[in-house]
Amino acid sequence: MRNDPLSQFNFILQIDGLQSAGFTEVSGLSTESEVIEYREGNELPTMRKLPGLIKYGNITLKRGYTLNRELWEWRKTTLDGLTLRKNCAISLLDEARQPAVRWNIYEAFITKLEFPALKSSANEAAVESIELVCERVELAE
């Protein structure tokens, strides 16, 4: 069986409770650990490196702007001081459009919503962008 790479354009994003979560771009899906450097006085002059706090990157989502207000209503919960957190999943699909890889995103909320840039001489679709923060990302089994 061949082990061809998956195409990056073939993905689905699911957000708890949202009906219209079709996006053209997802970026920033990452995890990293801070490094704690440590050395005792009687050791060689080399630092030990220990894993520190784990951080998850902000996830940026882009889509064509529509009249659907679901994302605005979700963002507004944070603006109103009543932040609503949602779980999300991003599935990368194979050539048969079946999920091949899935990332689960937990306790996410919108930290930034960027409305479309407007330009009278442009000929492209209006694109909005949102930035999600989350507490955990897992690669599903």
C-alpha atoms as a PDB file:
ATOM      1  CA  MET A   1       0.000   0.000   0.000  1.00  0.00           C
ATOM      2  CA  ARG A   2       1.320   3.443  -0.954  1.00  0.00           C
ATOM      3  CA  ASN A   3       1.808   6.078   1.726  1.00  0.00           C
ATOM      4  CA  ASP A   4       1.065   9.237  -0.266  1.00  0.00           C
ATOM      5  CA  PRO A   5       0.850  12.573   1.570  1.00  0.00           C
ATOM      6  CA  LEU A   6      -2.612  13.970   2.197  1.00  0.00           C
ATOM      7  CA  SER A   7      -3.784  17.087   0.341  1.00  0.00           C
ATOM      8  CA  GLN A   8      -3.981  20.201   2.501  1.00  0.00           C
ATOM      9  CA  PHE A   9      -7.107  21.560   0.770  1.00  0.00           C
ATOM     10  CA  ASN A  10      -9.272  18.586   1.742  1.00  0.00           C
ATOM     11  CA  PHE A  11     -10.436  19.294   5.310  1.00  0.00           C
ATOM     12  CA  ILE A  12     -13.526  19.726   7.452  1.00  0.00           C
ATOM     13  CA  LEU A  13     -13.840  21.871  10.559  1.00  0.00           C
ATOM     14  CA  GLN A  14     -16.536  21.103  13.114  1.00  0.00           C
ATOM     15  CA  ILE A  15     -17.413  23.513  15.920  1.00  0.00           C
ATOM     16  CA  ASP A  16     -19.903  22.468  18.625  1.00  0.00           C
ATOM     17  CA  GLY A  17     -23.270  24.063  17.984  1.00  0.00           C
ATOM     18  CA  LEU A  18     -22.376  25.927  14.762  1.00  0.00           C
ATOM     19  CA  GLN A  19     -24.109  25.019  11.537  1.00  0.00           C
ATOM     20  CA  SER A  20     -21.973  26.981   9.057  1.00  0.00           C
ATOM     21  CA  ALA A  21     -18.336  26.293   9.803  1.00  0.00           C
ATOM     22  CA  GLY A  22     -17.033  26.113   6.225  1.00  0.00           C
ATOM     23  CA  PHE A  23     -13.572  27.691   6.051  1.00  0.00           C
ATOM     24  CA  THR A  24     -11.043  28.096   3.257  1.00  0.00           C
ATOM     25  CA  GLU A  25      -7.959  28.169   5.474  1.00  0.00           C
ATOM     26  CA  VAL A  26      -6.849  26.873   8.875  1.00  0.00           C
ATOM     27  CA  SER A  27      -3.428  27.716  10.297  1.00  0.00           C
ATOM     28  CA  GLY A  28      -1.588  27.851  13.618  1.00  0.00           C
ATOM     29  CA  LEU A  29      -2.456  24.364  14.830  1.00  0.00           C
ATOM     30  CA  SER A  30       0.570  23.711  17.053  1.00  0.00           C
ATOM     31  CA  THR A  31       1.817  22.614  20.443  1.00  0.00           C
ATOM     32  CA  GLU A  32       5.066  23.446  22.202  1.00  0.00           C
ATOM     33  CA  SER A  33       6.728  23.062  25.596  1.00  0.00           C
ATOM     34  CA  GLU A  34       8.664  25.752  27.362  1.00  0.00           C
ATOM     35  CA  VAL A  35      12.151  24.723  28.427  1.00  0.00           C
ATOM     36  CA  ILE A  36      13.402  25.079  31.992  1.00  0.00           C
ATOM     37  CA  GLU A  37      17.171  25.278  32.269  1.00  0.00           C
ATOM     38  CA  TYR A  38      18.612  23.958  35.517  1.00  0.00           C
ATOM     39  CA  ARG A  39      22.081  23.431  36.955  1.00  0.00           C
ATOM     40  CA  GLU A  40      23.379  22.540  40.402  1.00  0.00           C
ATOM     41  CA  GLY A  41      26.636  24.071  41.573  1.00  0.00           C
ATOM     42  CA  ASN A  42      28.595  20.800  41.709  1.00  0.00           C
ATOM     43  CA  GLU A  43      27.782  19.749  38.124  1.00  0.00           C
ATOM     44  CA  LEU A  44      29.740  20.254  34.946  1.00  0.00           C
ATOM     45  CA  PRO A  45      29.191  23.680  33.327  1.00  0.00           C
ATOM     46  CA  THR A  46      26.317  22.326  31.232  1.00  0.00           C
ATOM     47  CA  MET A  47      22.670  23.139  31.732  1.00  0.00           C
ATOM     48  CA  ARG A  48      20.056  20.450  32.131  1.00  0.00           C
ATOM     49  CA  LYS A  49      16.924  21.050  30.122  1.00  0.00           C
ATOM     50  CA  LEU A  50      13.575  20.081  31.578  1.00  0.00           C
ATOM     51  CA  PRO A  51      10.121  20.293  30.005  1.00  0.00           C
ATOM     52  CA  GLY A  52       8.073  23.211  31.316  1.00  0.00           C
ATOM     53  CA  LEU A  53       4.578  24.468  30.647  1.00  0.00           C
ATOM     54  CA  ILE A  54       2.806  23.278  27.507  1.00  0.00           C
ATOM     55  CA  LYS A  55       1.370  25.900  25.161  1.00  0.00           C
ATOM     56  CA  TYR A  56      -0.996  25.588  22.223  1.00  0.00           C
ATOM     57  CA  GLY A  57      -0.861  28.013  19.310  1.00  0.00           C
ATOM     58  CA  ASN A  58      -3.696  30.307  18.322  1.00  0.00           C
ATOM     59  CA  ILE A  59      -5.657  28.835  15.426  1.00  0.00           C
ATOM     60  CA  THR A  60      -6.548  31.204  12.583  1.00  0.00           C
ATOM     61  CA  LEU A  61      -9.584  30.425  10.421  1.00  0.00           C
ATOM     62  CA  LYS A  62     -10.521  32.248   7.208  1.00  0.00           C
ATOM     63  CA  ARG A  63     -13.696  32.098   5.156  1.00  0.00           C
ATOM     64  CA  GLY A  64     -15.724  34.094   2.683  1.00  0.00           C
ATOM     65  CA  TYR A  65     -17.902  36.639   4.477  1.00  0.00           C
ATOM     66  CA  THR A  66     -21.612  35.766   4.568  1.00  0.00           C
ATOM     67  CA  LEU A  67     -24.688  37.148   6.282  1.00  0.00           C
ATOM     68  CA  ASN A  68     -24.606  34.289   8.805  1.00  0.00           C
ATOM     69  CA  ARG A  69     -24.049  35.790  12.284  1.00  0.00           C
ATOM     70  CA  GLU A  70     -23.092  32.634  14.256  1.00  0.00           C
ATOM     71  CA  LEU A  71     -19.406  33.536  14.568  1.00  0.00           C
ATOM     72  CA  TRP A  72     -20.253  37.110  15.585  1.00  0.00           C
ATOM     73  CA  GLU A  73     -22.670  35.840  18.243  1.00  0.00           C
ATOM     74  CA  TRP A  74     -19.972  33.492  19.591  1.00  0.00           C
ATOM     75  CA  ARG A  75     -17.403  36.320  19.658  1.00  0.00           C
ATOM     76  CA  LYS A  76     -19.925  38.607  21.347  1.00  0.00           C
ATOM     77  CA  THR A  77     -20.123  36.261  24.351  1.00  0.00           C
ATOM     78  CA  THR A  78     -16.508  37.207  25.174  1.00  0.00           C
ATOM     79  CA  LEU A  79     -17.086  40.902  24.460  1.00  0.00           C
ATOM     80  CA  ASP A  80     -20.021  40.778  26.897  1.00  0.00           C
ATOM     81  CA  GLY A  81     -17.909  39.089  29.611  1.00  0.00           C
ATOM     82  CA  LEU A  82     -19.721  35.738  29.314  1.00  0.00           C
ATOM     83  CA  THR A  83     -17.190  33.759  27.276  1.00  0.00           C
ATOM     84  CA  LEU A  84     -18.663  30.624  25.718  1.00  0.00           C
ATOM     85  CA  ARG A  85     -16.085  27.884  25.139  1.00  0.00           C
ATOM     86  CA  LYS A  86     -16.595  25.250  22.461  1.00  0.00           C
ATOM     87  CA  ASN A  87     -14.882  22.043  21.435  1.00  0.00           C
ATOM     88  CA  CYS A  88     -13.812  21.767  17.802  1.00  0.00           C
ATOM     89  CA  ALA A  89     -12.369  19.154  15.474  1.00  0.00           C
ATOM     90  CA  ILE A  90     -10.362  19.483  12.281  1.00  0.00           C
ATOM     91  CA  SER A  91     -10.348  16.431  10.015  1.00  0.00           C
ATOM     92  CA  LEU A  92      -7.945  16.069   7.112  1.00  0.00           C
ATOM     93  CA  LEU A  93      -9.606  13.905   4.457  1.00  0.00           C
ATOM     94  CA  ASP A  94      -8.174  11.305   2.109  1.00  0.00           C
ATOM     95  CA  GLU A  95      -8.856  11.127  -1.641  1.00  0.00           C
ATOM     96  CA  ALA A  96     -12.217   9.408  -0.975  1.00  0.00           C
ATOM     97  CA  ARG A  97     -13.179  12.346   1.326  1.00  0.00           C
ATOM     98  CA  GLN A  98     -13.028  10.110   4.395  1.00  0.00           C
ATOM     99  CA  PRO A  99     -11.372  11.373   7.606  1.00  0.00           C
ATOM    100  CA  ALA A 100      -7.735  10.256   7.683  1.00  0.00           C
ATOM    101  CA  VAL A 101      -6.406  12.445  10.509  1.00  0.00           C
ATOM    102  CA  ARG A 102      -8.341  14.324  13.184  1.00  0.00           C
ATOM    103  CA  TRP A 103      -7.234  16.971  15.662  1.00  0.00           C
ATOM    104  CA  ASN A 104      -9.532  17.592  18.631  1.00  0.00           C
ATOM    105  CA  ILE A 105      -9.483  21.111  20.081  1.00  0.00           C
ATOM    106  CA  TYR A 106     -10.799  21.688  23.593  1.00  0.00           C
ATOM    107  CA  GLU A 107     -12.180  24.731  25.438  1.00  0.00           C
ATOM    108  CA  ALA A 108     -11.792  27.112  22.477  1.00  0.00           C
ATOM    109  CA  PHE A 109     -13.104  30.648  22.215  1.00  0.00           C
ATOM    110  CA  ILE A 110     -12.690  33.478  19.715  1.00  0.00           C
ATOM    111  CA  THR A 111     -10.018  35.936  20.785  1.00  0.00           C
ATOM    112  CA  LYS A 112     -10.062  37.954  17.545  1.00  0.00           C
ATOM    113  CA  LEU A 113     -12.526  38.486  14.724  1.00  0.00           C
ATOM    114  CA  GLU A 114     -11.276  40.439  11.716  1.00  0.00           C
ATOM    115  CA  PHE A 115     -13.921  41.713   9.346  1.00  0.00           C
ATOM    116  CA  PRO A 116     -13.208  41.775   5.583  1.00  0.00           C
ATOM    117  CA  ALA A 117     -10.993  44.437   4.053  1.00  0.00           C
ATOM    118  CA  LEU A 118     -13.034  46.630   1.720  1.00  0.00           C
ATOM    119  CA  LYS A 119     -11.633  48.030  -1.520  1.00  0.00           C
ATOM    120  CA  SER A 120     -13.723  49.514  -4.330  1.00  0.00           C
ATOM    121  CA  SER A 121     -11.303  48.417  -7.069  1.00  0.00           C
ATOM    122  CA  ALA A 122     -10.970  44.788  -5.859  1.00  0.00           C
ATOM    123  CA  ASN A 123     -12.603  41.858  -7.593  1.00  0.00           C
ATOM    124  CA  GLU A 124     -12.211  39.087  -4.989  1.00  0.00           C
ATOM    125  CA  ALA A 125     -14.584  37.747  -2.355  1.00  0.00           C
ATOM    126  CA  ALA A 126     -14.755  39.476   1.025  1.00  0.00           C
ATOM    127  CA  VAL A 127     -12.892  37.291   3.552  1.00  0.00           C
ATOM    128  CA  GLU A 128     -13.263  37.328   7.333  1.00  0.00           C
ATOM    129  CA  SER A 129     -10.772  35.864   9.775  1.00  0.00           C
ATOM    130  CA  ILE A 130     -11.156  34.567  13.317  1.00  0.00           C
ATOM    131  CA  GLU A 131      -8.527  33.548  15.822  1.00  0.00           C
ATOM    132  CA  LEU A 132      -9.272  30.807  18.339  1.00  0.00           C
ATOM    133  CA  VAL A 133      -7.420  30.124  21.554  1.00  0.00           C
ATOM    134  CA  CYS A 134      -7.729  26.754  23.248  1.00  0.00           C
ATOM    135  CA  GLU A 135      -6.563  24.872  26.290  1.00  0.00           C
ATOM    136  CA  ARG A 136      -5.626  21.601  24.617  1.00  0.00           C
ATOM    137  CA  VAL A 137      -5.110  19.974  21.206  1.00  0.00           C
ATOM    138  CA  GLU A 138      -4.947  16.208  20.712  1.00  0.00           C
ATOM    139  CA  LEU A 139      -4.261  14.070  17.690  1.00  0.00           C
ATOM    140  CA  ALA A 140      -7.158  11.582  17.735  1.00  0.00           C
ATOM    141  CA  GLU A 141      -6.607   7.835  17.609  1.00  0.00           C
END
